Each structure stands twice: as C-alpha cells, then as structure tokens.
Amino acid sequence: MLRFCYWCLLRFHPARFRECFAEEMLSIFDHIEGRASRGKLVADAFFSLLRQWTMRPQNWEQKATASIPIGATATPAFFTLGDFKPSKRALFYGAVLTLILYCCLFLVLRHSRKHYVYLPTALSEWVVSPDTLDSYTGVYSSDLPNKLTVSLTVRSGQLMVEIPREWKSALVPVTGNRFVFSDDQENWIEFSKHRNGVVYGIRVHRNGSEFQAHRVMN
C-alpha cells in the first residue's frame, strides 16, 4: 500500500522531475526496510510534490520559442512568441493537488480545538443590569461525589464565581445566560432559569470537564 502511494506521488511530479529522479527514488524505496522508514519517504515525496508544483514552476512550464526566418539579416525585427497554455496533464495534477490540500485543511480544522474570540467592542454592547446580576448570586451545590459548592457574588458591578479553597474568577457576559471566566475564556458558566425567570441551577465548563449544580435555597 505504501509503495502504491509512493508511486502515485511520483507520478504526480512534473515530467522533467520524473525523468531525472523517479526511477532512482523508487529503487531506494524498494531497498529500504521498515514501515516507519518507508512512511518517511512517502511524506518526503508528498512535500517534494508541493515544492515542485508551487515553488518550481520552471519544471512544468513549456518554453516558448521564436522561429527566425531563414535568410533573415541582422536588422532588428519583431518576432511573435507562441502563446503558452498548460497541458491537460498539468491542469489535472494541479486539480488533484488542490483537492488533497483542501481535504487536509478540512481535517485539521475539523479536529482542532475550538477557540473562542471575544472582541471588547462586542462585550461592551452586552450589558447586564445590576438587578439581573443580583438574581444570579447565591450558593450552588453539585451532585458530584465530592459535593462541590459554587459561590456567586457581585463586587463592583461584576459577577464573581468562587469554589472555596480552589479557584476564584470574575465573569464576563457573552450571550444569553452564559458568562465566561475573565482569566480563561474557554471556561464558562451557563445559568438555568424557570419560565418566570428565577435561576435554579448552573452548568459549569472548566478545564475540559463539565458539572451541574443546583441553587441552594435559604
């Protein structure tokens, strides 16, 4: 399977490159031992393919030649150069390479970690009234075995979250009932409300894990 992939990558190289190096490279691949070593050769061939088609266009461009009429004198004259047009093979390989790059980019974006970007101008537009902040304050208790207690208070017009003896952070509103931690915006708290607007619980996302806690009624 690796040999077939390696052979395909060599076939996608420009004709000039294949004429000079393809046979030798394939021979080296056949004589090398170990799957890891062959995998490195396949990776090298892939990056070589990128270099040949992006950084070395002289390997696939056809040189335009000017024909000089027989018997022409040394008098300066104008000659017409032939119009250059990429071959169908070059267009096909370029399309295949573009498709491969697009698939790789799609996979990287799909499996990459989410990053939230919050602009200060957007945050300033989302204003939470002091009365609303007060409705969030209180003590929330989780149902986990270690029975975490989360305390929410308001200080200087800003909502604060604290787990005693563990961590403490200010909260910044982003949308709806969700607030993010000011020191790490990938961590957030979302409030759950009844239909009448009374907060009865929270959902906390912190360091890649989540837990829920219900409000302790005095």
N, C-alpha and C. Protein backbone atom coordinates (compact mmCIF):
# COMPACT_ATOMS: atom_id res chain seq x y z
N MET A 1 0.82 -1.20 0.00
CA MET A 1 0.00 0.00 0.00
C MET A 1 0.86 1.26 0.00
N LEU A 2 1.91 1.27 0.84
CA LEU A 2 2.79 2.42 0.88
C LEU A 2 3.52 2.61 -0.45
N ARG A 3 3.89 1.48 -1.07
CA ARG A 3 4.59 1.60 -2.35
C ARG A 3 3.68 2.19 -3.42
N PHE A 4 2.41 1.80 -3.39
CA PHE A 4 1.47 2.33 -4.37
C PHE A 4 1.29 3.84 -4.16
N CYS A 5 1.16 4.27 -2.88
CA CYS A 5 1.03 5.70 -2.61
C CYS A 5 2.29 6.45 -3.05
N TYR A 6 3.45 5.85 -2.78
CA TYR A 6 4.70 6.49 -3.17
C TYR A 6 4.79 6.60 -4.69
N TRP A 7 4.38 5.54 -5.39
CA TRP A 7 4.41 5.56 -6.86
C TRP A 7 3.45 6.62 -7.41
N CYS A 8 2.27 6.76 -6.80
CA CYS A 8 1.31 7.77 -7.25
C CYS A 8 1.86 9.18 -7.05
N LEU A 9 2.52 9.40 -5.90
CA LEU A 9 3.10 10.72 -5.65
C LEU A 9 4.18 11.04 -6.67
N LEU A 10 4.97 10.05 -7.03
CA LEU A 10 6.00 10.27 -8.05
C LEU A 10 5.35 10.55 -9.40
N ARG A 11 4.26 9.88 -9.71
CA ARG A 11 3.58 10.11 -10.99
C ARG A 11 3.01 11.51 -11.09
N PHE A 12 2.66 12.11 -9.93
CA PHE A 12 2.11 13.46 -9.93
C PHE A 12 3.19 14.53 -10.10
N HIS A 13 4.46 14.14 -9.99
CA HIS A 13 5.54 15.11 -10.19
C HIS A 13 5.62 15.51 -11.66
N PRO A 14 6.17 16.69 -11.95
CA PRO A 14 6.35 17.11 -13.35
C PRO A 14 7.19 16.12 -14.14
N ALA A 15 7.01 16.11 -15.45
CA ALA A 15 7.70 15.14 -16.31
C ALA A 15 9.21 15.26 -16.19
N ARG A 16 9.72 16.47 -16.14
CA ARG A 16 11.17 16.66 -16.04
C ARG A 16 11.73 16.02 -14.78
N PHE A 17 11.01 16.19 -13.68
CA PHE A 17 11.45 15.60 -12.41
C PHE A 17 11.43 14.08 -12.49
N ARG A 18 10.36 13.52 -13.06
CA ARG A 18 10.25 12.07 -13.15
C ARG A 18 11.37 11.48 -14.01
N GLU A 19 11.69 12.15 -15.09
CA GLU A 19 12.75 11.64 -15.98
C GLU A 19 14.10 11.58 -15.27
N CYS A 20 14.34 12.53 -14.37
CA CYS A 20 15.64 12.60 -13.70
C CYS A 20 15.72 11.76 -12.43
N PHE A 21 14.63 11.71 -11.66
CA PHE A 21 14.75 11.14 -10.31
C PHE A 21 13.77 10.01 -10.00
N ALA A 22 12.71 9.83 -10.75
CA ALA A 22 11.66 8.89 -10.35
C ALA A 22 12.19 7.46 -10.21
N GLU A 23 12.94 7.00 -11.20
CA GLU A 23 13.42 5.62 -11.17
C GLU A 23 14.36 5.39 -9.98
N GLU A 24 15.23 6.35 -9.74
CA GLU A 24 16.17 6.21 -8.62
C GLU A 24 15.43 6.23 -7.27
N MET A 25 14.45 7.14 -7.13
CA MET A 25 13.70 7.23 -5.88
C MET A 25 12.90 5.96 -5.62
N LEU A 26 12.31 5.39 -6.66
CA LEU A 26 11.55 4.16 -6.50
C LEU A 26 12.45 2.99 -6.12
N SER A 27 13.67 3.00 -6.67
CA SER A 27 14.63 1.94 -6.32
C SER A 27 15.04 2.04 -4.86
N ILE A 28 15.26 3.25 -4.38
CA ILE A 28 15.61 3.44 -2.96
C ILE A 28 14.48 2.96 -2.08
N PHE A 29 13.25 3.25 -2.47
CA PHE A 29 12.09 2.82 -1.68
C PHE A 29 12.02 1.30 -1.61
N ASP A 30 12.31 0.62 -2.71
CA ASP A 30 12.22 -0.85 -2.73
C ASP A 30 13.30 -1.50 -1.87
N HIS A 31 14.45 -0.84 -1.71
CA HIS A 31 15.56 -1.44 -0.98
C HIS A 31 15.57 -1.06 0.50
N ILE A 32 14.78 -0.09 0.88
CA ILE A 32 14.78 0.31 2.28
C ILE A 32 13.87 -0.63 3.08
N GLU A 33 14.22 -0.86 4.33
CA GLU A 33 13.47 -1.77 5.19
C GLU A 33 12.82 -0.98 6.32
N GLY A 34 11.70 -1.49 6.79
CA GLY A 34 11.00 -0.86 7.90
C GLY A 34 9.83 0.00 7.44
N ARG A 35 8.68 -0.20 8.07
CA ARG A 35 7.48 0.56 7.69
C ARG A 35 7.63 2.04 8.02
N ALA A 36 8.30 2.33 9.15
CA ALA A 36 8.48 3.73 9.54
C ALA A 36 9.35 4.47 8.54
N SER A 37 10.42 3.81 8.09
CA SER A 37 11.32 4.44 7.13
C SER A 37 10.61 4.68 5.81
N ARG A 38 9.81 3.72 5.38
CA ARG A 38 9.06 3.90 4.14
C ARG A 38 8.00 5.00 4.29
N GLY A 39 7.41 5.10 5.47
CA GLY A 39 6.45 6.17 5.71
C GLY A 39 7.10 7.55 5.60
N LYS A 40 8.35 7.66 6.07
CA LYS A 40 9.06 8.93 5.95
C LYS A 40 9.32 9.28 4.48
N LEU A 41 9.64 8.26 3.68
CA LEU A 41 9.85 8.50 2.26
C LEU A 41 8.57 8.97 1.58
N VAL A 42 7.42 8.40 1.97
CA VAL A 42 6.15 8.83 1.41
C VAL A 42 5.87 10.29 1.78
N ALA A 43 6.16 10.65 3.04
CA ALA A 43 5.97 12.04 3.47
C ALA A 43 6.90 12.98 2.71
N ASP A 44 8.16 12.54 2.52
CA ASP A 44 9.11 13.36 1.75
C ASP A 44 8.64 13.56 0.32
N ALA A 45 8.08 12.50 -0.27
CA ALA A 45 7.58 12.61 -1.64
C ALA A 45 6.41 13.58 -1.72
N PHE A 46 5.56 13.58 -0.70
CA PHE A 46 4.41 14.50 -0.69
C PHE A 46 4.88 15.95 -0.63
N PHE A 47 5.84 16.24 0.27
CA PHE A 47 6.35 17.61 0.37
C PHE A 47 7.14 18.00 -0.87
N SER A 48 7.83 17.03 -1.46
CA SER A 48 8.51 17.31 -2.73
C SER A 48 7.52 17.68 -3.82
N LEU A 49 6.37 16.99 -3.81
CA LEU A 49 5.32 17.31 -4.79
C LEU A 49 4.82 18.73 -4.61
N LEU A 50 4.65 19.15 -3.36
CA LEU A 50 4.22 20.52 -3.11
C LEU A 50 5.25 21.52 -3.62
N ARG A 51 6.52 21.24 -3.36
CA ARG A 51 7.56 22.17 -3.81
C ARG A 51 7.62 22.26 -5.32
N GLN A 52 7.50 21.12 -5.99
CA GLN A 52 7.63 21.11 -7.45
C GLN A 52 6.51 21.90 -8.12
N TRP A 53 5.30 21.82 -7.59
CA TRP A 53 4.17 22.46 -8.26
C TRP A 53 3.90 23.88 -7.77
N THR A 54 4.51 24.27 -6.67
CA THR A 54 4.25 25.62 -6.16
C THR A 54 5.47 26.53 -6.23
N MET A 55 6.66 25.97 -5.96
CA MET A 55 7.86 26.81 -5.86
C MET A 55 8.78 26.68 -7.07
N ARG A 56 8.53 25.71 -7.93
CA ARG A 56 9.41 25.50 -9.09
C ARG A 56 8.59 25.35 -10.37
N PRO A 57 7.94 26.42 -10.79
CA PRO A 57 7.10 26.32 -11.99
C PRO A 57 7.89 26.06 -13.26
N GLN A 58 9.22 26.29 -13.21
CA GLN A 58 10.01 26.05 -14.42
C GLN A 58 10.04 24.59 -14.81
N ASN A 59 9.66 23.71 -13.89
CA ASN A 59 9.66 22.29 -14.21
C ASN A 59 8.46 21.87 -15.04
N TRP A 60 7.42 22.70 -15.09
CA TRP A 60 6.25 22.31 -15.88
C TRP A 60 5.88 23.31 -16.96
N GLU A 61 6.50 24.51 -16.93
CA GLU A 61 6.23 25.46 -17.99
C GLU A 61 6.95 25.06 -19.27
N GLN A 62 6.28 25.23 -20.36
CA GLN A 62 6.88 24.96 -21.64
C GLN A 62 7.50 26.24 -22.17
N LYS A 63 8.72 26.15 -22.60
CA LYS A 63 9.41 27.33 -23.10
C LYS A 63 8.87 27.70 -24.47
N ALA A 64 8.51 28.97 -24.59
CA ALA A 64 8.05 29.47 -25.87
C ALA A 64 9.25 29.84 -26.71
N THR A 65 9.28 29.37 -27.90
CA THR A 65 10.40 29.62 -28.79
C THR A 65 9.96 30.48 -29.94
N ALA A 66 10.87 31.28 -30.41
CA ALA A 66 10.59 32.16 -31.54
C ALA A 66 11.31 31.63 -32.76
N SER A 67 10.60 31.48 -33.80
CA SER A 67 11.19 30.99 -35.03
C SER A 67 11.72 32.15 -35.85
N ILE A 68 12.97 32.05 -36.27
CA ILE A 68 13.61 33.10 -37.05
C ILE A 68 13.64 32.66 -38.51
N PRO A 69 13.08 33.45 -39.39
CA PRO A 69 13.05 33.05 -40.80
C PRO A 69 14.44 32.84 -41.36
N ILE A 70 14.53 31.84 -42.23
CA ILE A 70 15.81 31.57 -42.88
C ILE A 70 16.17 32.75 -43.77
N GLY A 71 17.44 33.14 -43.73
CA GLY A 71 17.91 34.24 -44.56
C GLY A 71 17.65 35.60 -43.96
N ALA A 72 17.21 35.63 -42.69
CA ALA A 72 16.97 36.93 -42.07
C ALA A 72 18.28 37.64 -41.85
N THR A 73 18.30 38.93 -42.05
CA THR A 73 19.51 39.74 -41.87
C THR A 73 19.67 40.12 -40.41
N ALA A 74 20.71 40.84 -40.12
CA ALA A 74 20.98 41.26 -38.75
C ALA A 74 20.15 42.46 -38.35
N THR A 75 19.28 42.92 -39.25
CA THR A 75 18.45 44.06 -38.94
C THR A 75 17.45 43.71 -37.83
N PRO A 76 17.33 44.57 -36.82
CA PRO A 76 16.38 44.27 -35.73
C PRO A 76 14.97 44.06 -36.27
N ALA A 77 14.29 43.09 -35.74
CA ALA A 77 12.94 42.79 -36.18
C ALA A 77 12.12 42.32 -35.00
N PHE A 78 10.82 42.27 -35.16
CA PHE A 78 9.92 41.82 -34.11
C PHE A 78 9.47 40.40 -34.44
N PHE A 79 9.50 39.56 -33.43
CA PHE A 79 9.06 38.18 -33.61
C PHE A 79 7.91 37.91 -32.65
N THR A 80 7.01 37.08 -33.06
CA THR A 80 5.86 36.73 -32.24
C THR A 80 6.12 35.43 -31.50
N LEU A 81 5.98 35.46 -30.18
CA LEU A 81 6.17 34.26 -29.37
C LEU A 81 4.87 33.48 -29.33
N GLY A 82 4.97 32.17 -29.30
CA GLY A 82 3.79 31.34 -29.23
C GLY A 82 3.09 31.48 -27.89
N ASP A 83 1.78 31.42 -27.89
CA ASP A 83 1.02 31.51 -26.65
C ASP A 83 1.22 30.26 -25.80
N PHE A 84 1.57 30.50 -24.53
CA PHE A 84 1.77 29.36 -23.62
C PHE A 84 0.43 28.91 -23.05
N LYS A 85 0.21 27.62 -23.04
CA LYS A 85 -1.00 27.05 -22.47
C LYS A 85 -0.64 25.77 -21.74
N PRO A 86 -0.94 25.68 -20.44
CA PRO A 86 -0.60 24.47 -19.69
C PRO A 86 -1.24 23.24 -20.31
N SER A 87 -0.51 22.15 -20.24
CA SER A 87 -1.04 20.90 -20.79
C SER A 87 -2.17 20.38 -19.92
N LYS A 88 -2.97 19.48 -20.49
CA LYS A 88 -4.09 18.89 -19.74
C LYS A 88 -3.58 18.10 -18.54
N ARG A 89 -2.42 17.48 -18.70
CA ARG A 89 -1.86 16.71 -17.58
C ARG A 89 -1.51 17.64 -16.42
N ALA A 90 -0.90 18.81 -16.74
CA ALA A 90 -0.54 19.76 -15.69
C ALA A 90 -1.79 20.28 -14.98
N LEU A 91 -2.85 20.56 -15.73
CA LEU A 91 -4.08 21.01 -15.12
C LEU A 91 -4.70 19.94 -14.23
N PHE A 92 -4.62 18.68 -14.68
CA PHE A 92 -5.18 17.58 -13.90
C PHE A 92 -4.42 17.41 -12.59
N TYR A 93 -3.09 17.40 -12.66
CA TYR A 93 -2.29 17.24 -11.45
C TYR A 93 -2.50 18.42 -10.50
N GLY A 94 -2.64 19.62 -11.06
CA GLY A 94 -2.89 20.78 -10.22
C GLY A 94 -4.22 20.66 -9.49
N ALA A 95 -5.25 20.15 -10.19
CA ALA A 95 -6.56 19.97 -9.57
C ALA A 95 -6.50 18.92 -8.46
N VAL A 96 -5.77 17.81 -8.71
CA VAL A 96 -5.64 16.75 -7.70
C VAL A 96 -4.91 17.28 -6.47
N LEU A 97 -3.84 18.04 -6.69
CA LEU A 97 -3.08 18.60 -5.57
C LEU A 97 -3.93 19.57 -4.76
N THR A 98 -4.72 20.40 -5.45
CA THR A 98 -5.61 21.33 -4.75
C THR A 98 -6.63 20.58 -3.90
N LEU A 99 -7.17 19.48 -4.44
CA LEU A 99 -8.14 18.68 -3.70
C LEU A 99 -7.50 18.06 -2.46
N ILE A 100 -6.27 17.58 -2.58
CA ILE A 100 -5.57 16.98 -1.44
C ILE A 100 -5.35 18.02 -0.35
N LEU A 101 -4.90 19.22 -0.75
CA LEU A 101 -4.65 20.28 0.23
C LEU A 101 -5.95 20.70 0.91
N TYR A 102 -7.03 20.76 0.14
CA TYR A 102 -8.33 21.14 0.72
C TYR A 102 -8.78 20.10 1.75
N CYS A 103 -8.62 18.82 1.43
CA CYS A 103 -9.03 17.76 2.37
C CYS A 103 -8.19 17.82 3.64
N CYS A 104 -6.88 18.06 3.50
CA CYS A 104 -6.01 18.14 4.68
C CYS A 104 -6.42 19.32 5.55
N LEU A 105 -6.69 20.47 4.92
CA LEU A 105 -7.11 21.64 5.69
C LEU A 105 -8.44 21.39 6.39
N PHE A 106 -9.36 20.71 5.71
CA PHE A 106 -10.66 20.41 6.31
C PHE A 106 -10.50 19.51 7.54
N LEU A 107 -9.62 18.49 7.44
CA LEU A 107 -9.42 17.59 8.57
C LEU A 107 -8.77 18.30 9.74
N VAL A 108 -7.81 19.20 9.44
CA VAL A 108 -7.15 19.94 10.53
C VAL A 108 -8.14 20.83 11.25
N LEU A 109 -8.98 21.54 10.49
CA LEU A 109 -9.97 22.42 11.12
C LEU A 109 -11.03 21.63 11.87
N ARG A 110 -11.38 20.46 11.35
CA ARG A 110 -12.43 19.66 11.98
C ARG A 110 -12.00 19.11 13.32
N HIS A 111 -10.71 18.71 13.42
CA HIS A 111 -10.23 18.06 14.64
C HIS A 111 -9.45 19.01 15.55
N SER A 112 -9.35 20.27 15.17
CA SER A 112 -8.63 21.21 16.02
C SER A 112 -9.51 21.63 17.18
N ARG A 113 -8.88 22.11 18.20
CA ARG A 113 -9.61 22.53 19.40
C ARG A 113 -10.30 23.86 19.13
N LYS A 114 -11.50 24.01 19.69
CA LYS A 114 -12.23 25.25 19.50
C LYS A 114 -11.56 26.39 20.26
N HIS A 115 -11.53 27.54 19.62
CA HIS A 115 -11.00 28.74 20.27
C HIS A 115 -12.03 29.85 20.11
N TYR A 116 -12.44 30.40 21.23
CA TYR A 116 -13.42 31.46 21.20
C TYR A 116 -12.70 32.80 21.24
N VAL A 117 -13.09 33.69 20.39
CA VAL A 117 -12.51 35.03 20.35
C VAL A 117 -13.60 36.03 20.70
N TYR A 118 -13.38 36.79 21.72
CA TYR A 118 -14.36 37.76 22.16
C TYR A 118 -13.78 39.16 22.00
N LEU A 119 -14.43 39.98 21.22
CA LEU A 119 -13.97 41.34 20.98
C LEU A 119 -14.50 42.26 22.07
N PRO A 120 -13.66 43.17 22.57
CA PRO A 120 -14.11 44.07 23.62
C PRO A 120 -15.31 44.92 23.21
N THR A 121 -15.36 45.34 21.93
CA THR A 121 -16.48 46.16 21.48
C THR A 121 -17.79 45.38 21.56
N ALA A 122 -17.73 44.07 21.22
CA ALA A 122 -18.94 43.25 21.27
C ALA A 122 -19.39 43.04 22.71
N LEU A 123 -18.41 42.89 23.62
CA LEU A 123 -18.76 42.66 25.02
C LEU A 123 -19.39 43.91 25.63
N SER A 124 -18.89 45.08 25.19
CA SER A 124 -19.42 46.31 25.78
C SER A 124 -20.87 46.53 25.42
N GLU A 125 -21.30 45.95 24.28
CA GLU A 125 -22.68 46.11 23.88
C GLU A 125 -23.62 45.22 24.68
N TRP A 126 -23.10 44.13 25.26
CA TRP A 126 -23.94 43.22 26.03
C TRP A 126 -23.88 43.65 27.49
N VAL A 127 -24.84 44.42 27.90
CA VAL A 127 -24.85 44.99 29.24
C VAL A 127 -25.88 44.25 30.08
N VAL A 128 -25.46 43.85 31.28
CA VAL A 128 -26.36 43.17 32.22
C VAL A 128 -26.65 44.13 33.36
N SER A 129 -27.90 44.35 33.63
CA SER A 129 -28.30 45.29 34.67
C SER A 129 -27.94 44.76 36.04
N PRO A 130 -27.71 45.65 37.00
CA PRO A 130 -27.38 45.20 38.37
C PRO A 130 -28.44 44.28 38.96
N ASP A 131 -29.71 44.55 38.67
CA ASP A 131 -30.77 43.69 39.21
C ASP A 131 -30.65 42.27 38.67
N THR A 132 -30.30 42.16 37.39
CA THR A 132 -30.13 40.83 36.80
C THR A 132 -28.94 40.11 37.42
N LEU A 133 -27.84 40.83 37.65
CA LEU A 133 -26.66 40.22 38.29
C LEU A 133 -27.03 39.71 39.68
N ASP A 134 -27.80 40.48 40.40
CA ASP A 134 -28.20 40.04 41.76
C ASP A 134 -29.04 38.76 41.71
N SER A 135 -29.79 38.58 40.62
CA SER A 135 -30.61 37.37 40.52
C SER A 135 -29.76 36.11 40.33
N TYR A 136 -28.49 36.28 39.92
CA TYR A 136 -27.60 35.14 39.74
C TYR A 136 -26.86 34.75 41.02
N THR A 137 -26.75 35.68 41.95
CA THR A 137 -25.94 35.45 43.15
C THR A 137 -26.57 34.36 44.02
N GLY A 138 -25.71 33.73 44.80
CA GLY A 138 -26.16 32.69 45.70
C GLY A 138 -25.16 31.56 45.77
N VAL A 139 -25.57 30.49 46.43
CA VAL A 139 -24.73 29.30 46.60
C VAL A 139 -25.34 28.16 45.80
N TYR A 140 -24.51 27.48 45.03
CA TYR A 140 -24.95 26.36 44.20
C TYR A 140 -24.16 25.12 44.62
N SER A 141 -24.86 24.01 44.70
CA SER A 141 -24.25 22.76 45.15
C SER A 141 -24.39 21.71 44.06
N SER A 142 -23.27 21.00 43.79
CA SER A 142 -23.30 19.97 42.75
C SER A 142 -23.71 18.63 43.34
N ASP A 143 -24.05 17.71 42.43
CA ASP A 143 -24.44 16.36 42.85
C ASP A 143 -23.28 15.38 42.72
N LEU A 144 -22.08 15.89 42.52
CA LEU A 144 -20.92 15.02 42.40
C LEU A 144 -20.59 14.38 43.75
N PRO A 145 -19.83 13.31 43.71
CA PRO A 145 -19.46 12.65 44.99
C PRO A 145 -18.72 13.58 45.94
N ASN A 146 -17.88 14.51 45.39
CA ASN A 146 -17.15 15.40 46.28
C ASN A 146 -17.96 16.62 46.71
N LYS A 147 -19.19 16.72 46.21
CA LYS A 147 -20.12 17.76 46.66
C LYS A 147 -19.50 19.16 46.55
N LEU A 148 -19.24 19.62 45.35
CA LEU A 148 -18.66 20.93 45.14
C LEU A 148 -19.68 22.02 45.45
N THR A 149 -19.20 23.09 46.04
CA THR A 149 -20.04 24.25 46.34
C THR A 149 -19.51 25.44 45.56
N VAL A 150 -20.38 26.05 44.78
CA VAL A 150 -20.01 27.20 43.96
C VAL A 150 -20.72 28.42 44.51
N SER A 151 -19.94 29.46 44.78
CA SER A 151 -20.50 30.70 45.34
C SER A 151 -20.42 31.80 44.28
N LEU A 152 -21.53 32.50 44.06
CA LEU A 152 -21.60 33.60 43.10
C LEU A 152 -21.98 34.88 43.84
N THR A 153 -21.16 35.90 43.67
CA THR A 153 -21.38 37.18 44.33
C THR A 153 -21.20 38.31 43.32
N VAL A 154 -21.60 39.50 43.71
CA VAL A 154 -21.41 40.69 42.88
C VAL A 154 -20.50 41.65 43.63
N ARG A 155 -19.41 42.06 42.95
CA ARG A 155 -18.47 43.01 43.53
C ARG A 155 -18.16 44.09 42.49
N SER A 156 -18.39 45.33 42.87
CA SER A 156 -18.12 46.47 42.00
C SER A 156 -18.84 46.32 40.66
N GLY A 157 -20.06 45.83 40.70
CA GLY A 157 -20.84 45.70 39.48
C GLY A 157 -20.43 44.55 38.59
N GLN A 158 -19.63 43.60 39.10
CA GLN A 158 -19.18 42.46 38.30
C GLN A 158 -19.47 41.17 39.04
N LEU A 159 -19.95 40.19 38.29
CA LEU A 159 -20.28 38.89 38.88
C LEU A 159 -19.00 38.10 39.12
N MET A 160 -18.87 37.52 40.30
CA MET A 160 -17.70 36.74 40.69
C MET A 160 -18.12 35.31 41.01
N VAL A 161 -17.28 34.36 40.62
CA VAL A 161 -17.53 32.95 40.92
C VAL A 161 -16.38 32.43 41.76
N GLU A 162 -16.72 31.55 42.72
CA GLU A 162 -15.68 31.04 43.61
C GLU A 162 -16.06 29.65 44.10
N ILE A 163 -15.07 28.76 44.07
CA ILE A 163 -15.18 27.48 44.77
C ILE A 163 -14.21 27.56 45.93
N PRO A 164 -14.69 27.54 47.16
CA PRO A 164 -13.81 27.72 48.32
C PRO A 164 -12.59 26.81 48.28
N ARG A 165 -11.43 27.43 48.52
CA ARG A 165 -10.13 26.75 48.61
C ARG A 165 -9.67 26.16 47.27
N GLU A 166 -10.31 26.54 46.16
CA GLU A 166 -9.87 26.01 44.87
C GLU A 166 -9.57 27.13 43.88
N TRP A 167 -10.56 27.88 43.43
CA TRP A 167 -10.32 28.94 42.46
C TRP A 167 -11.38 30.02 42.56
N LYS A 168 -11.04 31.17 41.99
CA LYS A 168 -11.91 32.32 42.02
C LYS A 168 -11.67 33.13 40.76
N SER A 169 -12.75 33.64 40.16
CA SER A 169 -12.60 34.39 38.92
C SER A 169 -13.78 35.32 38.72
N ALA A 170 -13.53 36.41 37.97
CA ALA A 170 -14.61 37.30 37.56
C ALA A 170 -15.27 36.72 36.32
N LEU A 171 -16.56 37.03 36.13
CA LEU A 171 -17.32 36.53 34.99
C LEU A 171 -17.68 37.67 34.05
N VAL A 172 -17.61 37.36 32.75
CA VAL A 172 -17.90 38.35 31.72
C VAL A 172 -19.08 37.83 30.89
N PRO A 173 -20.15 38.60 30.73
CA PRO A 173 -21.31 38.13 29.94
C PRO A 173 -20.98 38.08 28.47
N VAL A 174 -21.46 37.04 27.78
CA VAL A 174 -21.22 36.92 26.34
C VAL A 174 -22.53 36.85 25.56
N THR A 175 -23.43 35.99 25.98
CA THR A 175 -24.70 35.88 25.27
C THR A 175 -25.71 35.15 26.14
N GLY A 176 -26.95 35.58 26.09
CA GLY A 176 -28.00 34.89 26.84
C GLY A 176 -27.67 34.78 28.31
N ASN A 177 -27.68 33.54 28.80
CA ASN A 177 -27.40 33.27 30.22
C ASN A 177 -25.99 32.73 30.43
N ARG A 178 -25.11 32.94 29.46
CA ARG A 178 -23.75 32.39 29.56
C ARG A 178 -22.74 33.49 29.88
N PHE A 179 -21.83 33.16 30.80
CA PHE A 179 -20.73 34.04 31.19
C PHE A 179 -19.42 33.25 31.01
N VAL A 180 -18.36 33.96 30.64
CA VAL A 180 -17.05 33.32 30.54
C VAL A 180 -16.15 33.83 31.66
N PHE A 181 -15.14 33.02 31.99
CA PHE A 181 -14.19 33.44 33.01
C PHE A 181 -13.27 34.51 32.42
N SER A 182 -13.00 35.56 33.15
CA SER A 182 -12.17 36.64 32.63
C SER A 182 -10.72 36.21 32.44
N ASP A 183 -10.25 35.24 33.22
CA ASP A 183 -8.85 34.81 33.10
C ASP A 183 -8.67 33.67 32.10
N ASP A 184 -9.73 33.01 31.69
CA ASP A 184 -9.65 31.93 30.71
C ASP A 184 -11.01 31.82 30.02
N GLN A 185 -11.11 32.38 28.82
CA GLN A 185 -12.41 32.49 28.16
C GLN A 185 -12.89 31.17 27.55
N GLU A 186 -12.12 30.10 27.68
CA GLU A 186 -12.61 28.79 27.26
C GLU A 186 -13.44 28.13 28.36
N ASN A 187 -13.38 28.67 29.55
CA ASN A 187 -14.20 28.19 30.66
C ASN A 187 -15.42 29.11 30.80
N TRP A 188 -16.57 28.51 31.09
CA TRP A 188 -17.78 29.31 31.15
C TRP A 188 -18.80 28.73 32.13
N ILE A 189 -19.79 29.56 32.45
CA ILE A 189 -20.91 29.17 33.30
C ILE A 189 -22.20 29.57 32.58
N GLU A 190 -23.17 28.66 32.58
CA GLU A 190 -24.46 28.93 31.96
C GLU A 190 -25.54 28.73 33.01
N PHE A 191 -26.43 29.72 33.13
CA PHE A 191 -27.48 29.68 34.14
C PHE A 191 -28.75 29.08 33.56
N SER A 192 -29.43 28.29 34.39
CA SER A 192 -30.72 27.69 34.01
C SER A 192 -31.83 28.40 34.77
N LYS A 193 -32.88 28.74 34.03
CA LYS A 193 -33.96 29.50 34.63
C LYS A 193 -35.31 28.81 34.44
N HIS A 194 -36.21 29.08 35.38
CA HIS A 194 -37.61 28.69 35.20
C HIS A 194 -38.27 29.64 34.22
N ARG A 195 -39.49 29.35 33.85
CA ARG A 195 -40.22 30.21 32.93
C ARG A 195 -40.46 31.60 33.49
N ASN A 196 -40.53 31.71 34.81
CA ASN A 196 -40.74 33.01 35.44
C ASN A 196 -39.45 33.80 35.60
N GLY A 197 -38.32 33.26 35.10
CA GLY A 197 -37.05 33.97 35.15
C GLY A 197 -36.20 33.69 36.37
N VAL A 198 -36.67 32.87 37.28
CA VAL A 198 -35.91 32.56 38.50
C VAL A 198 -34.83 31.54 38.19
N VAL A 199 -33.60 31.83 38.60
CA VAL A 199 -32.47 30.93 38.37
C VAL A 199 -32.52 29.78 39.36
N TYR A 200 -32.42 28.56 38.84
CA TYR A 200 -32.47 27.40 39.73
C TYR A 200 -31.21 26.52 39.64
N GLY A 201 -30.33 26.78 38.69
CA GLY A 201 -29.14 25.95 38.58
C GLY A 201 -28.13 26.54 37.61
N ILE A 202 -26.95 25.92 37.56
CA ILE A 202 -25.88 26.35 36.67
C ILE A 202 -25.22 25.13 36.03
N ARG A 203 -24.62 25.37 34.89
CA ARG A 203 -23.79 24.36 34.23
C ARG A 203 -22.41 24.96 34.05
N VAL A 204 -21.39 24.33 34.60
CA VAL A 204 -20.03 24.87 34.63
C VAL A 204 -19.14 24.04 33.72
N HIS A 205 -18.46 24.72 32.80
CA HIS A 205 -17.46 24.09 31.94
C HIS A 205 -16.10 24.64 32.34
N ARG A 206 -15.23 23.75 32.83
CA ARG A 206 -13.93 24.20 33.33
C ARG A 206 -12.87 23.16 33.03
N ASN A 207 -11.82 23.60 32.34
CA ASN A 207 -10.67 22.74 32.01
C ASN A 207 -11.09 21.47 31.29
N GLY A 208 -12.04 21.60 30.36
CA GLY A 208 -12.45 20.48 29.54
C GLY A 208 -13.50 19.57 30.14
N SER A 209 -13.92 19.80 31.37
CA SER A 209 -14.95 18.97 32.00
C SER A 209 -16.13 19.85 32.42
N GLU A 210 -17.28 19.22 32.59
CA GLU A 210 -18.49 19.95 32.96
C GLU A 210 -19.15 19.29 34.17
N PHE A 211 -19.84 20.11 34.94
CA PHE A 211 -20.68 19.60 36.00
C PHE A 211 -21.84 20.56 36.21
N GLN A 212 -22.91 20.06 36.78
CA GLN A 212 -24.09 20.87 37.04
C GLN A 212 -24.28 21.03 38.55
N ALA A 213 -24.87 22.14 38.92
CA ALA A 213 -25.13 22.40 40.33
C ALA A 213 -26.47 23.11 40.46
N HIS A 214 -27.20 22.78 41.53
CA HIS A 214 -28.50 23.40 41.76
C HIS A 214 -28.38 24.45 42.84
N ARG A 215 -29.25 25.41 42.77
CA ARG A 215 -29.19 26.54 43.70
C ARG A 215 -29.71 26.10 45.07
N VAL A 216 -28.96 26.50 46.08
CA VAL A 216 -29.35 26.18 47.45
C VAL A 216 -30.27 27.29 47.93
N MET A 217 -31.49 26.93 48.25
CA MET A 217 -32.48 27.90 48.72
C MET A 217 -32.39 28.03 50.25
N ASN A 218 -32.29 29.27 50.70
CA ASN A 218 -32.21 29.51 52.15
C ASN A 218 -33.59 29.36 52.80
